[in-house]
Amino acid sequence: MFIPVGIMRIGVAIPCYKGHIAALKSLLDSIANQTRLPDDVIISCSSSLPADVPYTASMYAFPFRVITH
């Protein structure tokens, strides 16, 4: 099935745990340097609390949300 480029959406799912949080900045920076930014990024971070993730969507030109559990 052909999907015209104007309709195509890109999403990124990032699984991690509390020990990976330090590496998230370089990962998010790498995403920010791509030619085509994603329409949505979801970071699922286990064994963590919302306060453990110091990055916010206002720091980047693409939307992302963090799910902690």
N, C-alpha and C. Protein backbone atom coordinates (compact mmCIF):
# COMPACT_ATOMS: atom_id res chain seq x y z
N MET A 1 0.84 -1.18 0.00
CA MET A 1 0.00 0.00 0.00
C MET A 1 0.88 1.24 0.00
N PHE A 2 0.65 2.14 -0.92
CA PHE A 2 1.43 3.37 -1.03
C PHE A 2 0.83 4.45 -0.14
N ILE A 3 1.69 5.09 0.66
CA ILE A 3 1.25 6.19 1.51
C ILE A 3 1.99 7.44 1.06
N PRO A 4 1.28 8.47 0.60
CA PRO A 4 1.96 9.70 0.18
C PRO A 4 2.79 10.29 1.31
N VAL A 5 3.92 10.88 0.96
CA VAL A 5 4.85 11.40 1.96
C VAL A 5 4.18 12.41 2.89
N GLY A 6 3.29 13.23 2.40
CA GLY A 6 2.63 14.22 3.24
C GLY A 6 1.76 13.61 4.31
N ILE A 7 1.40 12.34 4.16
CA ILE A 7 0.53 11.67 5.12
C ILE A 7 1.33 10.77 6.06
N MET A 8 2.51 10.37 5.64
CA MET A 8 3.31 9.45 6.43
C MET A 8 3.70 10.09 7.77
N ARG A 9 3.60 9.31 8.82
CA ARG A 9 3.97 9.77 10.15
C ARG A 9 5.10 8.89 10.67
N ILE A 10 5.95 9.48 11.48
CA ILE A 10 7.07 8.74 12.05
C ILE A 10 6.96 8.80 13.57
N GLY A 11 7.02 7.65 14.19
CA GLY A 11 7.01 7.56 15.64
C GLY A 11 8.22 6.79 16.12
N VAL A 12 8.70 7.13 17.30
CA VAL A 12 9.85 6.45 17.88
C VAL A 12 9.46 5.98 19.28
N ALA A 13 9.73 4.72 19.57
CA ALA A 13 9.49 4.17 20.90
C ALA A 13 10.84 3.83 21.52
N ILE A 14 11.07 4.34 22.72
CA ILE A 14 12.35 4.13 23.39
C ILE A 14 12.11 3.42 24.72
N PRO A 15 12.46 2.15 24.80
CA PRO A 15 12.35 1.46 26.09
C PRO A 15 13.63 1.71 26.90
N CYS A 16 13.50 1.94 28.18
CA CYS A 16 14.68 2.10 29.02
C CYS A 16 14.33 1.79 30.47
N TYR A 17 15.33 1.79 31.30
CA TYR A 17 15.11 1.68 32.74
C TYR A 17 15.94 2.77 33.40
N LYS A 18 15.81 2.91 34.69
CA LYS A 18 16.43 4.03 35.40
C LYS A 18 17.93 4.16 35.09
N GLY A 19 18.62 3.08 34.89
CA GLY A 19 20.05 3.13 34.57
C GLY A 19 20.38 3.70 33.21
N HIS A 20 19.39 3.80 32.33
CA HIS A 20 19.60 4.35 30.98
C HIS A 20 19.36 5.85 30.90
N ILE A 21 18.81 6.45 31.94
CA ILE A 21 18.38 7.85 31.86
C ILE A 21 19.52 8.78 31.46
N ALA A 22 20.72 8.51 31.94
CA ALA A 22 21.86 9.37 31.60
C ALA A 22 22.15 9.38 30.10
N ALA A 23 21.83 8.29 29.40
CA ALA A 23 22.08 8.21 27.96
C ALA A 23 20.96 8.82 27.12
N LEU A 24 19.84 9.14 27.73
CA LEU A 24 18.71 9.67 26.97
C LEU A 24 19.03 11.00 26.28
N LYS A 25 19.81 11.86 26.91
CA LYS A 25 20.10 13.15 26.30
C LYS A 25 20.79 12.98 24.95
N SER A 26 21.81 12.12 24.87
CA SER A 26 22.50 11.93 23.59
C SER A 26 21.57 11.30 22.56
N LEU A 27 20.67 10.43 23.01
CA LEU A 27 19.70 9.82 22.10
C LEU A 27 18.72 10.87 21.57
N LEU A 28 18.18 11.70 22.47
CA LEU A 28 17.25 12.75 22.04
C LEU A 28 17.96 13.78 21.16
N ASP A 29 19.20 14.11 21.47
CA ASP A 29 19.97 15.03 20.63
C ASP A 29 20.17 14.44 19.23
N SER A 30 20.43 13.14 19.16
CA SER A 30 20.60 12.48 17.87
C SER A 30 19.31 12.53 17.05
N ILE A 31 18.19 12.30 17.71
CA ILE A 31 16.89 12.40 17.02
C ILE A 31 16.68 13.82 16.52
N ALA A 32 17.05 14.82 17.32
CA ALA A 32 16.88 16.23 16.95
C ALA A 32 17.71 16.61 15.73
N ASN A 33 18.79 15.87 15.46
CA ASN A 33 19.66 16.17 14.32
C ASN A 33 19.27 15.45 13.04
N GLN A 34 18.18 14.71 13.07
CA GLN A 34 17.75 14.00 11.87
C GLN A 34 17.11 14.95 10.86
N THR A 35 17.17 14.61 9.60
CA THR A 35 16.58 15.43 8.54
C THR A 35 15.07 15.53 8.73
N ARG A 36 14.43 14.43 9.06
CA ARG A 36 12.98 14.39 9.27
C ARG A 36 12.74 14.08 10.74
N LEU A 37 12.15 15.02 11.45
CA LEU A 37 11.87 14.81 12.87
C LEU A 37 10.65 13.91 13.03
N PRO A 38 10.61 13.14 14.08
CA PRO A 38 9.45 12.27 14.30
C PRO A 38 8.23 13.09 14.71
N ASP A 39 7.07 12.53 14.45
CA ASP A 39 5.82 13.16 14.86
C ASP A 39 5.53 12.91 16.33
N ASP A 40 6.11 11.85 16.87
CA ASP A 40 5.89 11.52 18.27
C ASP A 40 7.00 10.61 18.75
N VAL A 41 7.45 10.84 19.98
CA VAL A 41 8.44 9.98 20.62
C VAL A 41 7.86 9.58 21.97
N ILE A 42 7.89 8.30 22.26
CA ILE A 42 7.43 7.79 23.55
C ILE A 42 8.61 7.11 24.22
N ILE A 43 8.90 7.55 25.43
CA ILE A 43 9.97 6.95 26.23
C ILE A 43 9.29 6.21 27.38
N SER A 44 9.48 4.90 27.42
CA SER A 44 8.92 4.08 28.49
C SER A 44 10.06 3.70 29.42
N CYS A 45 10.06 4.27 30.61
CA CYS A 45 11.18 4.12 31.53
C CYS A 45 10.73 3.37 32.78
N SER A 46 11.17 2.13 32.91
CA SER A 46 10.76 1.33 34.06
C SER A 46 11.67 1.60 35.26
N SER A 47 11.19 1.24 36.42
CA SER A 47 11.91 1.42 37.69
C SER A 47 12.30 2.87 37.92
N SER A 48 11.43 3.80 37.52
CA SER A 48 11.75 5.21 37.68
C SER A 48 10.49 6.00 38.01
N LEU A 49 10.73 7.24 38.43
CA LEU A 49 9.67 8.19 38.73
C LEU A 49 9.76 9.35 37.75
N PRO A 50 8.69 10.10 37.54
CA PRO A 50 8.75 11.23 36.61
C PRO A 50 9.91 12.19 36.92
N ALA A 51 10.20 12.43 38.19
CA ALA A 51 11.27 13.35 38.56
C ALA A 51 12.66 12.82 38.18
N ASP A 52 12.78 11.51 37.90
CA ASP A 52 14.06 10.92 37.52
C ASP A 52 14.50 11.31 36.12
N VAL A 53 13.55 11.71 35.27
CA VAL A 53 13.85 12.05 33.87
C VAL A 53 13.87 13.58 33.74
N PRO A 54 15.07 14.17 33.60
CA PRO A 54 15.19 15.63 33.64
C PRO A 54 14.91 16.33 32.31
N TYR A 55 14.50 15.62 31.29
CA TYR A 55 14.30 16.21 29.96
C TYR A 55 12.82 16.48 29.73
N THR A 56 12.54 17.59 29.06
CA THR A 56 11.15 17.95 28.77
C THR A 56 10.99 18.20 27.28
N ALA A 57 9.78 18.11 26.81
CA ALA A 57 9.50 18.31 25.39
C ALA A 57 9.84 19.74 24.96
N SER A 58 9.81 20.69 25.87
CA SER A 58 10.13 22.07 25.49
C SER A 58 11.61 22.24 25.14
N MET A 59 12.43 21.25 25.43
CA MET A 59 13.86 21.30 25.11
C MET A 59 14.15 20.88 23.66
N TYR A 60 13.15 20.34 22.98
CA TYR A 60 13.36 19.78 21.64
C TYR A 60 12.29 20.26 20.67
N ALA A 61 12.57 20.14 19.39
CA ALA A 61 11.65 20.59 18.34
C ALA A 61 10.68 19.49 17.91
N PHE A 62 10.59 18.42 18.68
CA PHE A 62 9.65 17.34 18.39
C PHE A 62 8.95 16.97 19.69
N PRO A 63 7.73 16.50 19.59
CA PRO A 63 7.00 16.14 20.81
C PRO A 63 7.47 14.79 21.36
N PHE A 64 7.57 14.71 22.66
CA PHE A 64 7.81 13.42 23.27
C PHE A 64 7.15 13.37 24.64
N ARG A 65 6.89 12.18 25.07
CA ARG A 65 6.32 11.97 26.39
C ARG A 65 7.05 10.82 27.06
N VAL A 66 7.08 10.90 28.37
CA VAL A 66 7.78 9.90 29.15
C VAL A 66 6.74 9.16 30.00
N ILE A 67 6.78 7.86 29.91
CA ILE A 67 5.94 7.01 30.73
C ILE A 67 6.85 6.34 31.74
N THR A 68 6.62 6.58 33.02
CA THR A 68 7.43 5.93 34.04
C THR A 68 6.56 4.89 34.76
N HIS A 69 7.21 3.83 35.16
CA HIS A 69 6.50 2.75 35.86
C HIS A 69 7.48 1.93 36.65
